[in-house]
């Protein structure tokens, strides 16, 4: 009996050995490398380009910040769910990082991703991925339809050491480039230095070299130029929130871009001119700004009512503009529709109320009164902080401890339309009136 058992075991071992030799294991996929990503994603633009806005200057334009940082499980980016959630897991009650819910009703079936949230009628609430070409192109179509000039495409260098993050950022940038060209809009790269570690400014330079030499960024018809040169923006210079990089490194970066033949826009603190409030108390900050072509002080959360917006324009922006005129730097003020950081940080829900558009519109009017000639809208797709202007839903969502703002019953495209009206006001195509413009019909 035991001899039979032994024979069977020996036969099984022999067969297993034979199988392992005859049928080798499937090869393990090689890890994704930075060079793999650069080769696959950075290509010159060869698509259609439609003539639309004047891409030769920032003057007279209303530009939106475009985060493009959203991922969903199964979108092809292999990053899981990114920026929708506070921690790993499903986008579900208690794990939402956003305070506005996007309206995805126009998106195709392959652009929508289910979540653990549900509308009041039981339907599953869905979101989108910025990795999807069709979604980004649709966003630029909305810009065209509502008269918005274009977008500053955010690029967070701090995370680009990860090949998958790099692939996502490059892919979104390529989508934005295509959308701007096909829809007659404009776009520019904006490097956000937030989260960048010490002694890493050289990585920004290396990234720009790759975009210029491989992707030929700046050469396609839709890329925004200013003062005769391609415009590149750098956000996060001179803030007093203990950033790891230094002003000296920021100066080196500005000088690098200038030597590369670029015009430079700097995103700086509100207190940049007086060297107080949110700015470092160092005059070197103003020296750096004087080297740039455009300065854009960040004002999100710095005021919260129409009256405060008007006061900021008169007491701060007007003097900022005078300083800029004396130093031959253009001034790009920031306007935003509202603000809320409840789900992300537990701050006050609806901290800066939209007032059905009155708060947003008051900033366009205030900027025009003090002589602004260009505007930066924060932001196109920023649902995290509740500053988005793209289409968002008014439908109530059963969120448990997660709460979501709505557009207060206004059409989901209302802030796209109002941004377009703000652009018309800036260019003198409509009267400067404190009262909200009346909208006729549902279409732009």
Protein backbone atom coordinates (compact mmCIF):
# COMPACT_ATOMS: atom_id res chain seq x y z
CA UNK A 1 0.00 0.00 0.00
CA UNK A 2 2.69 2.46 1.03
CA UNK A 3 4.71 1.55 -2.05
CA UNK A 4 1.75 2.51 -4.24
CA UNK A 5 1.38 5.84 -2.45
CA UNK A 6 5.09 6.48 -2.87
CA UNK A 7 4.91 5.67 -6.58
CA UNK A 8 2.03 8.08 -7.07
CA UNK A 9 3.87 10.86 -5.23
CA UNK A 10 7.01 10.30 -7.25
CA UNK A 11 4.98 10.30 -10.46
CA UNK A 12 3.29 13.57 -9.42
CA UNK A 13 6.64 15.20 -8.69
CA UNK A 14 8.02 14.07 -12.04
CA UNK A 15 5.04 15.46 -13.92
CA UNK A 16 5.27 18.76 -12.04
CA UNK A 17 8.96 19.03 -12.89
CA UNK A 18 8.27 18.22 -16.53
CA UNK A 19 5.51 20.83 -16.69
CA UNK A 20 7.72 23.51 -15.17
CA UNK A 21 10.36 22.87 -17.82
CA UNK A 22 7.99 22.47 -20.77
CA UNK A 23 5.77 25.44 -19.92
CA UNK A 24 7.79 28.34 -18.52
CA UNK A 25 6.05 30.89 -16.31
CA UNK A 26 4.65 33.95 -18.03
CA UNK A 27 7.23 36.74 -18.01
CA UNK A 28 6.70 39.49 -15.47
CA UNK A 29 5.93 42.83 -17.10
CA UNK A 30 8.85 45.23 -16.88
CA UNK A 31 8.23 48.14 -14.51
CA UNK A 32 7.12 51.38 -16.12
CA UNK A 33 10.05 53.77 -16.44
CA UNK A 34 10.28 57.51 -16.89
CA UNK A 35 11.79 57.08 -20.34
CA UNK A 36 8.94 54.77 -21.35
CA UNK A 37 6.48 57.48 -20.38
CA UNK A 38 8.33 60.32 -22.09
CA UNK A 39 8.62 58.36 -25.33
CA UNK A 40 4.95 57.38 -25.33
CA UNK A 41 3.38 60.67 -24.26
CA UNK A 42 5.50 63.57 -25.50
CA UNK A 43 4.87 64.00 -29.20
CA UNK A 44 4.57 67.16 -31.34
CA UNK A 45 1.03 68.19 -32.19
CA UNK A 46 -0.07 67.03 -35.63
CA UNK A 47 -3.82 67.48 -35.38
CA UNK A 48 -6.37 70.01 -36.58
CA UNK A 49 -6.14 73.60 -35.41
CA UNK A 50 -9.04 76.04 -35.67
CA UNK A 51 -8.46 79.77 -35.59
CA UNK A 52 -10.30 81.34 -32.65
CA UNK A 53 -9.00 83.54 -29.87
CA UNK A 54 -5.89 85.62 -30.42
CA UNK A 55 -3.12 83.48 -28.95
CA UNK A 56 -0.51 86.23 -29.28
CA UNK A 57 -1.32 87.94 -25.99
CA UNK A 58 -2.79 87.45 -22.52
CA UNK A 59 -4.21 90.96 -22.63
CA UNK A 60 -8.00 91.05 -22.92
CA UNK A 61 -8.40 87.43 -21.90
CA UNK A 62 -10.18 85.52 -19.17
CA UNK A 63 -8.24 82.33 -18.48
CA UNK A 64 -9.24 79.49 -16.16
CA UNK A 65 -7.05 77.30 -14.06
CA UNK A 66 -7.44 73.67 -15.16
CA UNK A 67 -6.42 71.12 -12.53
CA UNK A 68 -6.95 67.97 -14.59
CA UNK A 69 -5.95 65.83 -11.60
CA UNK A 70 -8.87 63.41 -11.33
CA UNK A 71 -8.50 59.66 -11.77
CA UNK A 72 -10.92 56.77 -11.35
CA UNK A 73 -10.36 53.05 -10.96
CA UNK A 74 -10.45 51.53 -14.45
CA UNK A 75 -9.73 54.71 -16.42
CA UNK A 76 -6.50 53.29 -17.89
CA UNK A 77 -4.12 55.45 -15.87
CA UNK A 78 -3.41 52.65 -13.36
CA UNK A 79 -3.54 55.11 -10.47
CA UNK A 80 -6.78 54.08 -8.81
CA UNK A 81 -9.07 56.82 -7.57
CA UNK A 82 -7.21 60.12 -7.23
CA UNK A 83 -8.35 63.48 -5.88
CA UNK A 84 -11.93 62.42 -5.34
CA UNK A 85 -11.18 60.76 -2.00
CA UNK A 86 -9.46 61.58 1.30
CA UNK A 87 -7.92 58.14 1.79
CA UNK A 88 -7.74 54.80 0.03
CA UNK A 89 -11.00 53.11 -0.76
CA UNK A 90 -14.14 53.87 -2.68
CA UNK A 91 -15.59 57.32 -3.24
CA UNK A 92 -18.42 56.81 -0.77
CA UNK A 93 -20.03 58.54 2.22
CA UNK A 94 -17.32 59.68 4.63
CA UNK A 95 -14.55 59.42 2.02
CA UNK A 96 -15.24 62.37 -0.26
CA UNK A 97 -12.65 65.08 -0.80
CA UNK A 98 -14.88 67.30 -2.93
CA UNK A 99 -17.53 69.87 -2.00
CA UNK A 100 -19.25 70.12 -5.40
CA UNK A 101 -20.53 67.22 -7.49
CA UNK A 102 -19.88 67.38 -11.26
CA UNK A 103 -22.75 67.12 -13.70
CA UNK A 104 -21.73 64.20 -15.93
CA UNK A 105 -25.04 63.87 -17.78
CA UNK A 106 -23.44 64.83 -21.12
CA UNK A 107 -20.58 62.37 -20.82
CA UNK A 108 -20.47 59.07 -22.66
CA UNK A 109 -20.89 55.78 -20.85
CA UNK A 110 -17.14 55.09 -20.97
CA UNK A 111 -16.44 58.49 -19.39
CA UNK A 112 -18.56 57.99 -16.28
CA UNK A 113 -17.44 56.06 -13.21
CA UNK A 114 -19.76 54.75 -10.51
CA UNK A 115 -19.31 55.71 -6.87
CA UNK A 116 -20.75 54.64 -3.55
CA UNK A 117 -22.98 57.71 -3.45
CA UNK A 118 -26.59 57.80 -4.61
CA UNK A 119 -29.05 60.49 -5.58
CA UNK A 120 -32.28 60.83 -3.66
CA UNK A 121 -34.11 58.68 -6.24
CA UNK A 122 -31.65 55.82 -5.80
CA UNK A 123 -29.56 56.34 -8.94
CA UNK A 124 -25.82 55.85 -8.55
CA UNK A 125 -23.88 59.10 -8.56
CA UNK A 126 -21.03 59.10 -11.08
CA UNK A 127 -17.85 61.11 -11.63
CA UNK A 128 -15.27 61.51 -14.42
CA UNK A 129 -11.57 61.01 -15.06
CA UNK A 130 -9.28 63.71 -16.45
CA UNK A 131 -7.30 60.91 -18.12
CA UNK A 132 -10.12 60.44 -20.63
CA UNK A 133 -9.55 62.30 -23.88
CA UNK A 134 -13.24 62.79 -24.66
CA UNK A 135 -13.88 64.41 -21.29
CA UNK A 136 -11.09 66.97 -21.58
CA UNK A 137 -12.05 67.79 -25.16
CA UNK A 138 -15.62 68.36 -24.00
CA UNK A 139 -14.37 70.79 -21.36
CA UNK A 140 -12.64 72.85 -24.04
CA UNK A 141 -15.80 72.71 -26.14
CA UNK A 142 -17.61 74.27 -23.17
CA UNK A 143 -14.98 77.01 -23.04
CA UNK A 144 -15.62 77.71 -26.70
CA UNK A 145 -19.40 77.59 -26.38
CA UNK A 146 -19.46 80.07 -23.49
CA UNK A 147 -16.78 82.48 -24.67
CA UNK A 148 -14.00 81.54 -22.23
CA UNK A 149 -10.58 82.15 -23.76
CA UNK A 150 -8.64 79.18 -22.46
CA UNK A 151 -6.84 77.51 -19.58
CA UNK A 152 -3.66 77.44 -17.58
CA UNK A 153 -2.98 73.70 -17.37
CA UNK A 154 -1.68 72.88 -13.90
CA UNK A 155 1.47 70.79 -13.63
CA UNK A 156 2.51 69.61 -10.17
CA UNK A 157 6.19 68.79 -10.43
CA UNK A 158 6.41 67.48 -6.88
CA UNK A 159 4.80 64.18 -7.87
CA UNK A 160 6.32 63.64 -11.29
CA UNK A 161 9.02 61.26 -10.11
CA UNK A 162 6.31 58.58 -10.19
CA UNK A 163 6.08 57.34 -13.81
CA UNK A 164 2.31 56.85 -13.58
CA UNK A 165 1.79 60.36 -12.26
CA UNK A 166 4.03 61.65 -15.02
CA UNK A 167 2.04 59.72 -17.62
CA UNK A 168 -1.21 61.15 -16.29
CA UNK A 169 0.08 64.74 -16.34
CA UNK A 170 1.54 64.39 -19.83
CA UNK A 171 -1.65 62.79 -21.12
CA UNK A 172 -3.87 65.52 -19.69
CA UNK A 173 -1.59 68.21 -21.12
CA UNK A 174 -1.82 66.54 -24.55
CA UNK A 175 -5.61 66.41 -24.25
CA UNK A 176 -5.72 70.12 -23.34
CA UNK A 177 -3.45 70.98 -26.25
CA UNK A 178 -5.74 69.09 -28.62
CA UNK A 179 -8.86 70.64 -27.11
CA UNK A 180 -7.49 74.17 -27.39
CA UNK A 181 -6.45 73.64 -31.00
CA UNK A 182 -9.67 71.98 -32.10
CA UNK A 183 -11.91 74.50 -30.32
CA UNK A 184 -10.09 77.71 -31.14
CA UNK A 185 -9.05 78.29 -27.51
CA UNK A 186 -5.63 78.86 -25.99
CA UNK A 187 -3.65 77.17 -23.23
CA UNK A 188 -0.39 77.50 -21.33
CA UNK A 189 1.58 75.39 -18.88
CA UNK A 190 1.40 76.45 -15.23
CA UNK A 191 3.91 74.85 -12.89
CA UNK A 192 2.50 74.62 -9.38
CA UNK A 193 5.42 74.35 -6.97
CA UNK A 194 3.22 73.29 -4.04
CA UNK A 195 4.70 70.25 -2.32
CA UNK A 196 8.05 70.53 -4.09
CA UNK A 197 10.90 69.46 -1.84
CA UNK A 198 14.16 71.23 -1.16
CA UNK A 199 16.78 71.35 -3.92
CA UNK A 200 14.37 70.13 -6.60
CA UNK A 201 13.94 73.24 -8.76
CA UNK A 202 16.23 71.61 -11.34
CA UNK A 203 13.46 69.02 -11.88
CA UNK A 204 11.16 71.77 -13.10
CA UNK A 205 13.80 72.86 -15.59
CA UNK A 206 14.35 69.29 -16.77
CA UNK A 207 10.62 68.80 -17.18
CA UNK A 208 10.31 71.96 -19.26
CA UNK A 209 13.21 70.88 -21.45
CA UNK A 210 11.41 67.61 -22.10
CA UNK A 211 8.16 69.38 -22.97
CA UNK A 212 9.97 71.75 -25.33
CA UNK A 213 12.25 69.28 -27.08
CA UNK A 214 9.95 66.24 -27.29
CA UNK A 215 6.42 67.66 -27.23
CA UNK A 216 7.36 70.98 -28.85
CA UNK A 217 5.18 72.79 -26.32
CA UNK A 218 4.88 76.41 -27.29
CA UNK A 219 5.06 75.75 -31.02
CA UNK A 220 1.49 74.69 -31.81
CA UNK A 221 -0.99 77.39 -32.93
CA UNK A 222 -3.06 77.30 -29.73
CA UNK A 223 -0.25 77.86 -27.23
CA UNK A 224 -0.56 81.22 -25.50
CA UNK A 225 2.11 83.82 -26.14
CA UNK A 226 2.65 87.16 -24.46
CA UNK A 227 4.98 89.96 -25.41
CA UNK A 228 6.07 87.94 -28.41
CA UNK A 229 7.13 84.82 -26.51
CA UNK A 230 5.47 81.60 -25.30
CA UNK A 231 4.07 82.13 -21.81
CA UNK A 232 4.90 79.77 -18.95
CA UNK A 233 3.45 80.26 -15.48
CA UNK A 234 5.00 79.42 -12.12
CA UNK A 235 2.64 79.34 -9.15
CA UNK A 236 3.72 79.39 -5.51
CA UNK A 237 6.49 82.01 -5.28
CA UNK A 238 6.93 83.87 -2.01
CA UNK A 239 4.27 82.33 0.23
CA UNK A 240 5.00 82.29 3.96
CA UNK A 241 3.69 78.77 4.62
CA UNK A 242 7.09 77.16 5.20
CA UNK A 243 7.77 75.91 1.68
CA UNK A 244 10.90 73.83 1.21
CA UNK A 245 12.21 75.66 -1.86
CA UNK A 246 13.77 79.11 -1.56
CA UNK A 247 13.36 82.49 -3.20
CA UNK A 248 16.86 82.11 -4.62
CA UNK A 249 15.75 78.92 -6.37
CA UNK A 250 12.64 80.67 -7.68
CA UNK A 251 14.81 83.40 -9.14
CA UNK A 252 16.97 80.79 -10.85
CA UNK A 253 13.83 79.26 -12.35
CA UNK A 254 12.57 82.60 -13.69
CA UNK A 255 15.97 83.33 -15.20
CA UNK A 256 16.00 79.87 -16.78
CA UNK A 257 12.65 80.42 -18.48
CA UNK A 258 13.67 83.87 -19.68
CA UNK A 259 16.89 82.50 -21.13
CA UNK A 260 14.81 79.87 -22.93
CA UNK A 261 12.92 82.64 -24.69
CA UNK A 262 9.71 82.52 -22.62
CA UNK A 263 7.49 85.13 -21.08
CA UNK A 264 6.94 84.32 -17.39
CA UNK A 265 3.86 84.66 -15.22
CA UNK A 266 4.24 84.32 -11.45
CA UNK A 267 1.50 83.24 -9.04
CA UNK A 268 2.28 85.03 -5.77
CA UNK A 269 0.67 85.84 -2.40
CA UNK A 270 -1.85 88.65 -1.94
CA UNK A 271 0.67 90.54 0.20
CA UNK A 272 3.49 90.47 -2.34
CA UNK A 273 3.76 94.27 -2.68
CA UNK A 274 3.57 95.10 1.03
CA UNK A 275 5.49 91.97 2.07
CA UNK A 276 2.96 91.03 4.74
CA UNK A 277 -0.16 88.88 5.21
CA UNK A 278 0.52 85.64 3.28
CA UNK A 279 3.88 86.74 1.83
CA UNK A 280 7.40 86.26 3.10
CA UNK A 281 8.81 89.53 4.47
CA UNK A 282 11.69 89.55 2.03
CA UNK A 283 12.27 92.23 -0.62
CA UNK A 284 13.89 89.58 -2.80
CA UNK A 285 10.35 88.52 -3.71
CA UNK A 286 9.72 91.85 -5.43
CA UNK A 287 13.05 91.60 -7.25
CA UNK A 288 11.93 88.27 -8.69
CA UNK A 289 8.54 89.67 -9.71
CA UNK A 290 10.29 92.57 -11.48
CA UNK A 291 12.06 89.98 -13.66
CA UNK A 292 8.75 88.46 -14.76
CA UNK A 293 6.27 89.62 -17.40
CA UNK A 294 3.03 89.00 -15.48
CA UNK A 295 2.22 88.80 -11.78
CA UNK A 296 -0.93 87.14 -10.44
CA UNK A 297 -1.70 87.48 -6.70
CA UNK A 298 -3.72 84.62 -5.22
CA UNK A 299 -6.87 85.94 -3.55
CA UNK A 300 -9.01 82.81 -3.05
CA UNK A 301 -10.26 82.94 0.53
CA UNK A 302 -8.83 86.44 1.12
CA UNK A 303 -12.29 88.06 0.94
CA UNK A 304 -15.78 86.61 1.14
CA UNK A 305 -18.45 89.15 0.14
CA UNK A 306 -19.06 91.51 -2.78
CA UNK A 307 -18.26 94.47 -0.53
CA UNK A 308 -14.97 92.92 0.55
CA UNK A 309 -14.10 92.15 -3.07
CA UNK A 310 -14.69 95.77 -4.04
CA UNK A 311 -12.60 96.96 -1.10
CA UNK A 312 -9.75 94.63 -2.05
CA UNK A 313 -9.77 95.98 -5.59
CA UNK A 314 -9.64 99.60 -4.43
CA UNK A 315 -7.23 99.21 -1.52
CA UNK A 316 -4.94 96.51 -2.90
CA UNK A 317 -5.31 95.88 -6.63
CA UNK A 318 -5.21 99.54 -7.59
CA UNK A 319 -1.85 100.01 -5.86
CA UNK A 320 -0.63 96.67 -7.23
CA UNK A 321 -1.41 97.88 -10.75
CA UNK A 322 0.52 101.10 -10.14
CA UNK A 323 3.57 99.15 -8.96
CA UNK A 324 3.33 96.90 -11.99
CA UNK A 325 3.10 99.86 -14.36
CA UNK A 326 6.26 101.36 -12.83
CA UNK A 327 8.12 98.06 -13.22
CA UNK A 328 6.69 97.15 -16.64
CA UNK A 329 4.96 94.01 -15.36
CA UNK A 330 1.38 93.10 -16.34
CA UNK A 331 -1.16 92.46 -13.59
CA UNK A 332 -3.44 89.40 -13.64
CA UNK A 333 -5.94 89.43 -10.74
CA UNK A 334 -7.66 86.23 -9.59
CA UNK A 335 -11.45 85.97 -9.29
CA UNK A 336 -13.37 83.00 -7.90
CA UNK A 337 -17.06 82.06 -7.60
CA UNK A 338 -17.09 80.81 -4.00
CA UNK A 339 -15.19 78.55 -1.63
CA UNK A 340 -15.75 75.54 0.63
CA UNK A 341 -13.37 73.10 2.32
CA UNK A 342 -15.78 70.99 4.33
CA UNK A 343 -15.24 67.43 3.10
CA UNK A 344 -11.49 67.78 2.63
CA UNK A 345 -10.56 69.47 5.90
CA UNK A 346 -13.72 69.81 7.96
CA UNK A 347 -13.72 73.59 7.60
CA UNK A 348 -16.90 75.65 7.47
CA UNK A 349 -19.35 74.34 4.88
CA UNK A 350 -19.97 76.94 2.15
CA UNK A 351 -17.38 79.24 3.70
CA UNK A 352 -17.66 81.79 0.89
CA UNK A 353 -21.23 81.66 -0.46
CA UNK A 354 -21.76 82.18 -4.18
CA UNK A 355 -24.92 84.22 -3.67
CA UNK A 356 -26.28 82.89 -6.97
CA UNK A 357 -23.45 84.51 -8.91
CA UNK A 358 -23.41 87.91 -7.21
CA UNK A 359 -20.10 87.28 -5.45
CA UNK A 360 -18.40 86.15 -8.66
CA UNK A 361 -19.80 88.98 -10.77
CA UNK A 362 -18.81 91.61 -8.21
CA UNK A 363 -15.14 90.68 -8.75
CA UNK A 364 -15.34 91.13 -12.53
CA UNK A 365 -16.85 94.57 -11.98
CA UNK A 366 -14.30 95.52 -9.30
CA UNK A 367 -11.38 94.40 -11.46
CA UNK A 368 -12.67 96.43 -14.40
CA UNK A 369 -13.11 99.53 -12.24
CA UNK A 370 -9.46 99.53 -11.17
CA UNK A 371 -8.12 99.00 -14.69
CA UNK A 372 -7.46 95.25 -14.97
CA UNK A 373 -6.87 94.14 -18.56
CA UNK A 374 -6.72 90.37 -17.98
CA UNK A 375 -8.28 87.95 -15.48
CA UNK A 376 -7.57 84.52 -14.05
CA UNK A 377 -10.61 82.48 -12.95
CA UNK A 378 -9.98 79.99 -10.15
CA UNK A 379 -10.88 77.37 -11.25
CA UNK A 380 -12.52 75.48 -14.10
CA UNK A 381 -12.71 72.03 -12.49
CA UNK A 382 -11.77 72.59 -8.83
CA UNK A 383 -14.56 70.76 -7.03
CA UNK A 384 -12.21 70.00 -4.13
CA UNK A 385 -12.37 73.58 -2.83
CA UNK A 386 -15.78 74.34 -4.27
CA UNK A 387 -14.42 76.92 -6.75
CA UNK A 388 -15.39 75.13 -9.98
CA UNK A 389 -17.21 76.95 -12.78
CA UNK A 390 -17.89 73.93 -15.00
CA UNK A 391 -21.17 72.04 -14.95
CA UNK A 392 -22.17 70.82 -11.50
CA UNK A 393 -25.35 69.22 -10.31
CA UNK A 394 -28.11 70.59 -8.12
CA UNK A 395 -29.52 67.13 -7.41
CA UNK A 396 -29.37 66.18 -3.73
CA UNK A 397 -27.00 63.33 -2.91
CA UNK A 398 -27.38 60.98 0.03
CA UNK A 399 -23.93 61.57 1.48
CA UNK A 400 -24.17 60.71 5.15
CA UNK A 401 -21.42 62.71 6.84
CA UNK A 402 -20.30 64.03 3.42
CA UNK A 403 -22.08 67.21 2.33
CA UNK A 404 -22.16 68.83 -1.09
CA UNK A 405 -22.87 72.32 -2.32
CA UNK A 406 -25.15 72.98 -5.27
CA UNK A 407 -25.52 75.84 -7.71
CA UNK A 408 -28.51 77.01 -5.67
CA UNK A 409 -30.97 75.89 -8.32
CA UNK A 410 -29.23 77.74 -11.15
CA UNK A 411 -28.62 75.84 -14.41
CA UNK A 412 -25.56 73.61 -14.27
CA UNK A 413 -23.86 75.73 -16.92
CA UNK A 414 -24.59 79.06 -15.21
CA UNK A 415 -21.03 79.81 -14.12
CA UNK A 416 -19.64 78.96 -17.53
CA UNK A 417 -22.07 81.48 -18.99
CA UNK A 418 -21.30 84.09 -16.31
CA UNK A 419 -17.56 83.69 -16.91
CA UNK A 420 -18.14 84.37 -20.60
CA UNK A 421 -20.11 87.49 -19.69
CA UNK A 422 -17.22 88.54 -17.47
CA UNK A 423 -14.88 88.21 -20.43
CA UNK A 424 -17.17 90.44 -22.46
CA UNK A 425 -17.19 93.01 -19.66
CA UNK A 426 -13.39 92.94 -19.44
CA UNK A 427 -13.07 93.65 -23.16
CA UNK A 428 -15.66 96.44 -23.12
CA UNK A 429 -18.24 94.42 -25.05
CA UNK A 430 -20.94 94.97 -22.42
CA UNK A 431 -21.66 97.76 -19.91
CA UNK A 432 -19.95 97.77 -16.52
CA UNK A 433 -22.90 97.26 -14.18
CA UNK A 434 -23.02 96.06 -10.58
CA UNK A 435 -26.25 94.19 -11.22
CA UNK A 436 -25.98 90.60 -12.40
CA UNK A 437 -26.56 90.32 -16.14
CA UNK A 438 -29.86 88.76 -17.16
CA UNK A 439 -29.62 85.52 -19.07
CA UNK A 440 -32.03 84.88 -21.89
CA UNK A 441 -32.68 81.24 -22.75
CA UNK A 442 -30.68 78.17 -21.81
CA UNK A 443 -27.97 78.41 -24.44
CA UNK A 444 -24.97 80.78 -24.28
